[in-house]
N, C-alpha and C. Protein backbone atom coordinates (compact mmCIF):
# COMPACT_ATOMS: atom_id res chain seq x y z
N MET A 1 134.78 135.10 104.10
CA MET A 1 133.71 135.98 103.99
C MET A 1 133.70 137.04 105.26
N THR A 2 133.48 138.27 104.65
CA THR A 2 133.45 139.26 105.79
C THR A 2 132.12 140.13 105.54
N GLY A 3 131.82 140.81 106.62
CA GLY A 3 130.91 141.91 106.78
C GLY A 3 131.04 142.79 107.81
N GLN A 4 130.01 143.68 107.88
CA GLN A 4 130.26 144.77 109.03
C GLN A 4 128.71 145.06 109.51
N CYS A 5 129.11 145.46 110.70
CA CYS A 5 127.69 145.82 111.33
C CYS A 5 127.96 147.14 112.37
N ALA A 6 126.99 147.66 112.83
CA ALA A 6 127.21 148.92 113.63
C ALA A 6 127.30 148.51 115.27
N ALA A 7 126.97 147.32 115.58
CA ALA A 7 126.95 146.68 117.13
C ALA A 7 128.35 146.68 117.26
N ARG A 8 128.66 146.84 118.74
CA ARG A 8 130.12 146.32 119.21
C ARG A 8 130.20 145.07 118.91
N PRO A 9 131.71 144.45 118.94
CA PRO A 9 132.00 142.99 119.15
C PRO A 9 131.36 142.39 119.99
N GLU A 10 131.36 142.92 121.22
CA GLU A 10 130.73 142.51 122.69
C GLU A 10 129.12 142.03 122.36
N ARG A 11 128.62 142.73 121.72
CA ARG A 11 127.17 142.65 121.42
C ARG A 11 127.10 141.74 120.32
N VAL A 12 127.82 141.58 119.33
CA VAL A 12 127.64 140.48 118.25
C VAL A 12 128.09 139.25 118.89
N PHE A 13 129.18 139.35 119.92
CA PHE A 13 129.34 137.97 120.69
C PHE A 13 128.36 137.52 121.42
N GLU A 14 127.52 138.28 122.02
CA GLU A 14 126.67 137.85 122.78
C GLU A 14 125.44 137.40 121.99
N VAL A 15 125.03 137.70 120.58
CA VAL A 15 124.26 136.87 119.94
C VAL A 15 124.77 135.62 119.44
N LEU A 16 126.06 135.38 119.30
CA LEU A 16 126.77 134.19 118.96
C LEU A 16 126.67 133.32 120.30
N ALA A 17 126.93 133.79 121.40
CA ALA A 17 126.88 132.97 122.60
C ALA A 17 125.64 132.39 122.95
N GLN A 18 124.57 132.33 122.20
CA GLN A 18 123.36 131.78 122.48
C GLN A 18 123.08 130.93 121.26
N PRO A 19 123.70 129.81 121.35
CA PRO A 19 123.31 128.70 120.11
C PRO A 19 122.07 128.33 120.15
N GLU A 20 121.31 128.28 121.18
CA GLU A 20 119.99 127.65 121.20
C GLU A 20 119.21 128.65 120.48
N ARG A 21 119.59 129.94 120.09
CA ARG A 21 118.62 130.92 119.55
C ARG A 21 119.11 131.19 118.23
N TRP A 22 120.31 130.63 117.64
CA TRP A 22 120.54 130.63 116.31
C TRP A 22 119.79 130.62 115.24
N ALA A 23 118.79 129.68 115.40
CA ALA A 23 117.81 129.47 114.37
C ALA A 23 116.86 130.66 114.25
N GLU A 24 116.64 131.45 115.32
CA GLU A 24 116.08 132.81 114.99
C GLU A 24 116.62 133.91 113.97
N TRP A 25 117.86 133.68 113.64
CA TRP A 25 118.50 134.54 112.77
C TRP A 25 119.28 134.16 111.74
N ASN A 26 119.35 132.46 111.83
CA ASN A 26 120.07 132.00 110.71
C ASN A 26 119.21 130.89 110.14
N ALA A 27 118.71 131.22 108.94
CA ALA A 27 117.66 130.16 107.87
C ALA A 27 118.44 128.86 107.96
N GLY A 28 119.71 128.72 108.14
CA GLY A 28 120.30 127.30 107.59
C GLY A 28 120.34 126.50 108.97
N VAL A 29 119.60 126.90 110.12
CA VAL A 29 119.50 126.13 111.22
C VAL A 29 118.23 125.89 111.77
N ALA A 30 117.84 124.59 111.86
CA ALA A 30 116.39 124.41 112.52
C ALA A 30 116.45 124.59 114.00
N ARG A 31 117.69 124.06 114.69
CA ARG A 31 117.70 124.04 115.93
C ARG A 31 119.29 123.86 116.34
N ILE A 32 119.62 124.08 117.49
CA ILE A 32 120.99 123.75 118.19
C ILE A 32 120.76 123.07 119.58
N GLU A 33 121.34 121.94 119.85
CA GLU A 33 121.24 121.45 120.98
C GLU A 33 122.68 121.32 121.70
N VAL A 34 122.76 122.17 122.70
CA VAL A 34 124.11 122.20 123.19
C VAL A 34 124.39 121.55 124.63
N HIS A 35 125.40 120.65 124.60
CA HIS A 35 125.67 119.93 125.95
C HIS A 35 126.48 120.48 126.63
N GLY A 36 126.25 121.77 127.15
CA GLY A 36 127.33 122.41 128.23
C GLY A 36 127.20 123.85 127.82
N PRO A 37 128.16 124.52 128.45
CA PRO A 37 128.43 126.18 128.39
C PRO A 37 128.94 126.42 126.86
N PHE A 38 128.73 127.72 126.57
CA PHE A 38 129.39 128.08 125.21
C PHE A 38 130.68 128.44 125.60
N ALA A 39 131.67 127.28 125.47
CA ALA A 39 132.98 127.26 125.57
C ALA A 39 133.70 126.28 124.83
N ALA A 40 135.20 126.24 124.73
CA ALA A 40 135.90 125.48 124.08
C ALA A 40 135.67 124.11 124.65
N GLY A 41 135.59 122.98 123.94
CA GLY A 41 135.40 121.61 124.36
C GLY A 41 133.75 121.20 124.53
N THR A 42 132.98 122.02 124.47
CA THR A 42 131.49 121.57 124.65
C THR A 42 130.99 121.10 123.33
N GLU A 43 130.26 120.15 123.46
CA GLU A 43 129.70 119.45 122.28
C GLU A 43 128.41 119.77 121.89
N ALA A 44 127.90 119.88 120.72
CA ALA A 44 126.46 120.30 120.36
C ALA A 44 126.34 119.77 119.20
N VAL A 45 124.80 119.76 118.69
CA VAL A 45 124.27 119.04 117.55
C VAL A 45 123.46 120.29 116.77
N MET A 46 123.94 120.39 115.56
CA MET A 46 123.11 121.52 114.69
C MET A 46 122.14 120.57 113.91
N VAL A 47 120.99 120.92 113.81
CA VAL A 47 119.70 120.19 113.17
C VAL A 47 119.51 121.16 112.01
N LEU A 48 119.81 120.78 110.77
CA LEU A 48 119.37 121.45 109.45
C LEU A 48 117.90 121.62 109.27
N PRO A 49 117.38 122.59 108.44
CA PRO A 49 115.97 122.39 108.34
C PRO A 49 115.71 121.10 107.59
N ASN A 50 116.46 120.49 106.68
CA ASN A 50 116.08 118.93 106.20
C ASN A 50 116.18 117.97 107.40
N SER A 51 116.37 118.26 108.55
CA SER A 51 116.38 117.37 109.79
C SER A 51 117.56 116.59 109.81
N THR A 52 118.62 116.97 109.04
CA THR A 52 119.91 116.36 109.18
C THR A 52 120.51 116.92 110.60
N ALA A 53 121.13 115.91 111.18
CA ALA A 53 121.75 116.26 112.57
C ALA A 53 123.23 116.23 112.40
N LEU A 54 124.09 117.30 112.83
CA LEU A 54 125.53 117.15 112.55
C LEU A 54 126.04 117.60 114.00
N PRO A 55 126.62 116.57 114.47
CA PRO A 55 127.36 116.95 115.83
C PRO A 55 128.46 117.74 115.58
N PHE A 56 128.92 118.55 116.56
CA PHE A 56 129.98 119.36 116.43
C PHE A 56 130.50 119.74 117.75
N THR A 57 131.86 120.38 117.76
CA THR A 57 132.63 120.52 119.19
C THR A 57 132.89 122.07 118.91
N PHE A 58 132.96 122.86 119.90
CA PHE A 58 133.36 124.31 119.98
C PHE A 58 134.85 124.00 120.31
N ALA A 59 135.83 124.70 119.39
CA ALA A 59 137.10 124.22 119.74
C ALA A 59 137.90 125.58 120.21
N TRP A 60 137.24 126.53 120.08
CA TRP A 60 137.67 128.03 120.53
C TRP A 60 136.68 128.95 120.61
N VAL A 61 136.67 129.42 121.83
CA VAL A 61 135.61 130.40 122.29
C VAL A 61 136.38 131.36 123.00
N GLU A 62 136.22 132.74 122.50
CA GLU A 62 136.88 133.96 123.07
C GLU A 62 135.82 134.91 123.27
N PRO A 63 135.39 135.42 124.43
CA PRO A 63 134.35 136.51 124.59
C PRO A 63 134.67 137.73 123.79
N GLY A 64 133.92 138.21 122.94
CA GLY A 64 134.19 139.51 122.16
C GLY A 64 134.97 139.32 120.90
N LYS A 65 135.88 138.14 120.80
CA LYS A 65 136.47 137.74 119.64
C LYS A 65 135.82 136.79 118.76
N GLY A 66 135.02 135.93 119.27
CA GLY A 66 134.53 134.92 118.44
C GLY A 66 134.73 133.32 118.65
N PHE A 67 134.48 132.69 117.82
CA PHE A 67 134.70 130.94 118.05
C PHE A 67 134.86 130.14 116.94
N GLU A 68 135.26 128.91 117.21
CA GLU A 68 135.49 128.15 116.10
C GLU A 68 134.87 126.94 116.56
N ASP A 69 134.20 126.18 115.46
CA ASP A 69 133.53 124.74 115.75
C ASP A 69 134.10 123.55 114.63
N VAL A 70 134.17 122.63 115.28
CA VAL A 70 134.70 121.41 114.21
C VAL A 70 133.63 120.54 114.21
N THR A 71 133.38 119.92 113.01
CA THR A 71 132.43 119.17 112.62
C THR A 71 132.91 118.04 111.67
N GLU A 72 132.67 116.82 112.10
CA GLU A 72 132.95 115.67 111.36
C GLU A 72 131.83 115.35 110.52
N VAL A 73 132.25 115.04 109.16
CA VAL A 73 131.32 114.41 108.34
C VAL A 73 131.72 113.08 107.91
N PRO A 74 131.30 112.18 108.73
CA PRO A 74 131.84 110.63 108.51
C PRO A 74 131.58 110.05 107.13
N ASP A 75 130.34 110.26 106.56
CA ASP A 75 129.96 109.70 105.35
C ASP A 75 130.98 110.35 104.19
N ALA A 76 131.51 111.60 104.38
CA ALA A 76 132.17 111.96 103.19
C ALA A 76 133.63 111.82 103.89
N GLY A 77 134.16 111.45 104.83
CA GLY A 77 135.28 111.48 105.45
C GLY A 77 135.94 112.68 105.41
N VAL A 78 135.13 113.69 105.79
CA VAL A 78 135.76 115.26 105.83
C VAL A 78 135.43 115.87 107.18
N VAL A 79 136.54 116.77 107.78
CA VAL A 79 136.38 117.44 108.91
C VAL A 79 136.08 118.80 108.46
N VAL A 80 135.27 119.61 109.16
CA VAL A 80 135.16 121.04 108.82
C VAL A 80 135.45 121.97 109.85
N ARG A 81 136.16 122.68 109.58
CA ARG A 81 136.45 123.79 110.81
C ARG A 81 135.83 125.31 110.48
N ALA A 82 134.84 125.65 111.11
CA ALA A 82 134.34 126.91 110.70
C ALA A 82 134.54 127.99 111.85
N ARG A 83 135.30 129.11 111.47
CA ARG A 83 135.93 130.00 112.33
C ARG A 83 135.18 131.32 112.29
N HIS A 84 134.59 131.93 113.18
CA HIS A 84 133.72 133.08 113.32
C HIS A 84 134.35 134.31 114.14
N GLU A 85 135.10 135.04 113.38
CA GLU A 85 135.81 136.26 114.24
C GLU A 85 135.24 137.45 114.22
N LEU A 86 135.37 138.25 115.13
CA LEU A 86 134.97 139.49 115.38
C LEU A 86 136.14 140.45 115.68
N ALA A 87 135.97 141.63 115.02
CA ALA A 87 137.16 142.76 115.36
C ALA A 87 136.36 143.94 115.23
N PRO A 88 136.86 144.82 116.37
CA PRO A 88 136.26 146.12 116.18
C PRO A 88 136.84 146.94 115.10
N ILE A 89 135.97 147.89 114.63
CA ILE A 89 136.43 148.64 113.42
C ILE A 89 135.60 150.03 113.91
N ALA A 90 135.85 151.36 113.21
CA ALA A 90 135.32 152.48 113.33
C ALA A 90 133.76 152.36 113.31
N GLY A 91 133.05 152.77 114.28
CA GLY A 91 131.39 152.54 114.02
C GLY A 91 130.99 151.16 114.10
N GLY A 92 131.67 150.05 114.47
CA GLY A 92 131.10 148.83 114.88
C GLY A 92 131.84 147.53 114.85
N THR A 93 131.54 146.65 114.08
CA THR A 93 132.39 145.46 114.19
C THR A 93 132.59 144.68 112.60
N GLN A 94 133.76 144.39 112.42
CA GLN A 94 133.94 143.35 111.36
C GLN A 94 133.63 141.80 111.79
N ILE A 95 132.83 141.25 110.91
CA ILE A 95 132.37 139.87 111.12
C ILE A 95 133.19 139.03 110.07
N THR A 96 134.01 138.12 110.33
CA THR A 96 134.70 137.28 109.33
C THR A 96 134.23 135.65 109.82
N TYR A 97 133.81 135.12 108.55
CA TYR A 97 133.52 133.66 108.75
C TYR A 97 134.54 133.05 107.80
N ARG A 98 135.23 131.81 108.31
CA ARG A 98 136.26 131.00 107.34
C ARG A 98 135.74 129.54 107.56
N CYS A 99 136.08 129.01 106.50
CA CYS A 99 135.71 127.37 106.65
C CYS A 99 136.91 126.84 105.82
N GLU A 100 137.29 125.63 106.66
CA GLU A 100 138.28 124.79 106.08
C GLU A 100 137.99 123.56 105.97
N ALA A 101 137.80 122.57 105.11
CA ALA A 101 137.06 121.40 104.98
C ALA A 101 138.54 120.37 104.59
N HIS A 102 138.74 119.53 105.53
CA HIS A 102 139.94 118.52 105.35
C HIS A 102 139.34 117.25 104.93
N GLY A 103 139.93 116.41 104.07
CA GLY A 103 139.77 115.09 103.61
C GLY A 103 140.01 114.95 102.24
N PRO A 104 139.33 113.90 101.41
CA PRO A 104 139.60 113.68 100.09
C PRO A 104 139.25 115.00 99.53
N ALA A 105 139.97 115.20 98.58
CA ALA A 105 139.95 116.59 97.86
C ALA A 105 138.60 116.92 97.21
N ASP A 106 137.80 116.01 96.60
CA ASP A 106 136.46 116.25 95.90
C ASP A 106 135.59 116.39 96.93
N ALA A 107 135.64 115.55 97.92
CA ALA A 107 134.55 115.66 99.00
C ALA A 107 134.85 117.12 99.81
N ALA A 108 135.85 117.30 100.16
CA ALA A 108 136.19 118.31 100.98
C ALA A 108 135.78 119.67 100.21
N ALA A 109 135.99 119.74 98.97
CA ALA A 109 135.56 120.96 98.28
C ALA A 109 134.21 121.13 98.31
N GLU A 110 133.50 119.71 97.97
CA GLU A 110 132.16 119.85 98.01
C GLU A 110 131.28 120.30 99.32
N VAL A 111 131.90 119.69 100.44
CA VAL A 111 131.38 120.01 101.72
C VAL A 111 131.71 121.32 102.07
N GLY A 112 132.91 121.95 101.83
CA GLY A 112 133.32 123.26 102.08
C GLY A 112 132.44 124.32 101.30
N ALA A 113 132.05 124.11 100.05
CA ALA A 113 131.30 124.89 99.35
C ALA A 113 129.98 124.87 99.84
N ALA A 114 129.44 123.77 100.20
CA ALA A 114 127.87 123.94 100.80
C ALA A 114 127.92 124.57 102.22
N VAL A 115 128.96 124.29 103.09
CA VAL A 115 128.90 124.85 104.51
C VAL A 115 128.99 126.45 104.23
N SER A 116 129.74 126.97 103.42
CA SER A 116 130.10 128.24 103.34
C SER A 116 129.19 128.98 102.18
N SER A 117 128.20 128.43 101.71
CA SER A 117 127.43 128.92 100.58
C SER A 117 126.56 130.09 101.17
N ASP A 118 126.11 129.96 102.47
CA ASP A 118 125.18 131.08 102.84
C ASP A 118 125.91 132.08 103.89
N PHE A 119 127.24 132.09 103.84
CA PHE A 119 127.91 132.77 104.81
C PHE A 119 127.52 134.19 104.74
N GLN A 120 127.49 134.66 103.64
CA GLN A 120 127.24 136.22 103.35
C GLN A 120 125.93 136.61 104.01
N GLU A 121 125.01 135.78 103.81
CA GLU A 121 123.63 136.02 104.29
C GLU A 121 123.40 135.76 105.75
N VAL A 122 124.24 134.95 106.42
CA VAL A 122 124.20 134.66 107.83
C VAL A 122 124.96 135.87 108.53
N ILE A 123 126.09 136.29 107.96
CA ILE A 123 126.80 137.38 108.39
C ILE A 123 125.89 138.60 108.56
N ALA A 124 125.27 138.82 107.53
CA ALA A 124 124.38 139.98 107.55
C ALA A 124 123.30 139.95 108.72
N ALA A 125 122.58 138.79 108.69
CA ALA A 125 121.66 138.36 109.73
C ALA A 125 122.00 138.69 111.11
N LEU A 126 123.34 138.07 111.19
CA LEU A 126 123.79 138.06 112.73
C LEU A 126 124.14 139.67 113.18
N GLY A 127 124.51 140.52 112.18
CA GLY A 127 124.83 141.85 112.40
C GLY A 127 123.64 142.43 112.62
N ALA A 128 122.34 142.18 111.65
CA ALA A 128 121.24 142.92 111.93
C ALA A 128 120.67 142.45 113.40
N ARG A 129 120.85 141.35 113.58
CA ARG A 129 120.27 140.97 114.97
C ARG A 129 121.11 141.65 116.15
N ALA A 130 122.40 141.84 116.13
CA ALA A 130 123.20 142.39 116.90
C ALA A 130 122.58 143.87 116.98
N GLU A 131 122.55 144.58 115.93
CA GLU A 131 122.09 145.91 115.97
C GLU A 131 120.79 146.21 116.54
N ARG A 132 119.79 145.26 116.37
CA ARG A 132 118.45 145.43 116.99
C ARG A 132 118.52 145.31 118.42
N LEU A 133 119.43 144.51 119.09
CA LEU A 133 119.95 144.63 120.52
C LEU A 133 120.36 145.75 120.89
N GLY A 134 120.90 146.68 120.11
CA GLY A 134 121.69 147.99 120.63
C GLY A 134 123.03 147.74 120.92
N GLY A 135 123.81 148.75 120.53
CA GLY A 135 125.08 148.78 121.11
C GLY A 135 126.12 148.00 120.44
């Protein structure tokens, strides 16, 4: 899923680099508990609005470029990799979210669809947040 915003990639990354504040612009997140810096290898827990807690790990973080997180869904036997990439374009940033779900085919398809179902709204909200911060 892709979208665009008028903010520079560095500004969009600034918003992403504050996981504790994701709930302010991402309706699918009640809160994020981060156990370290916003860097590869750091573990965190995403708490969904229904109180489901999903532990995950930041697998890749590159300032101005984006990040990837890995979440195991043990009940389903699925591992989800969600990649959030930023690329400069004329007048702003292209934001791309990708989701890969690995595991039993039916479960992976169901989990992948659930994870990515709000990507368009989340990308729009992220872009709007970065634009409000300016630059």
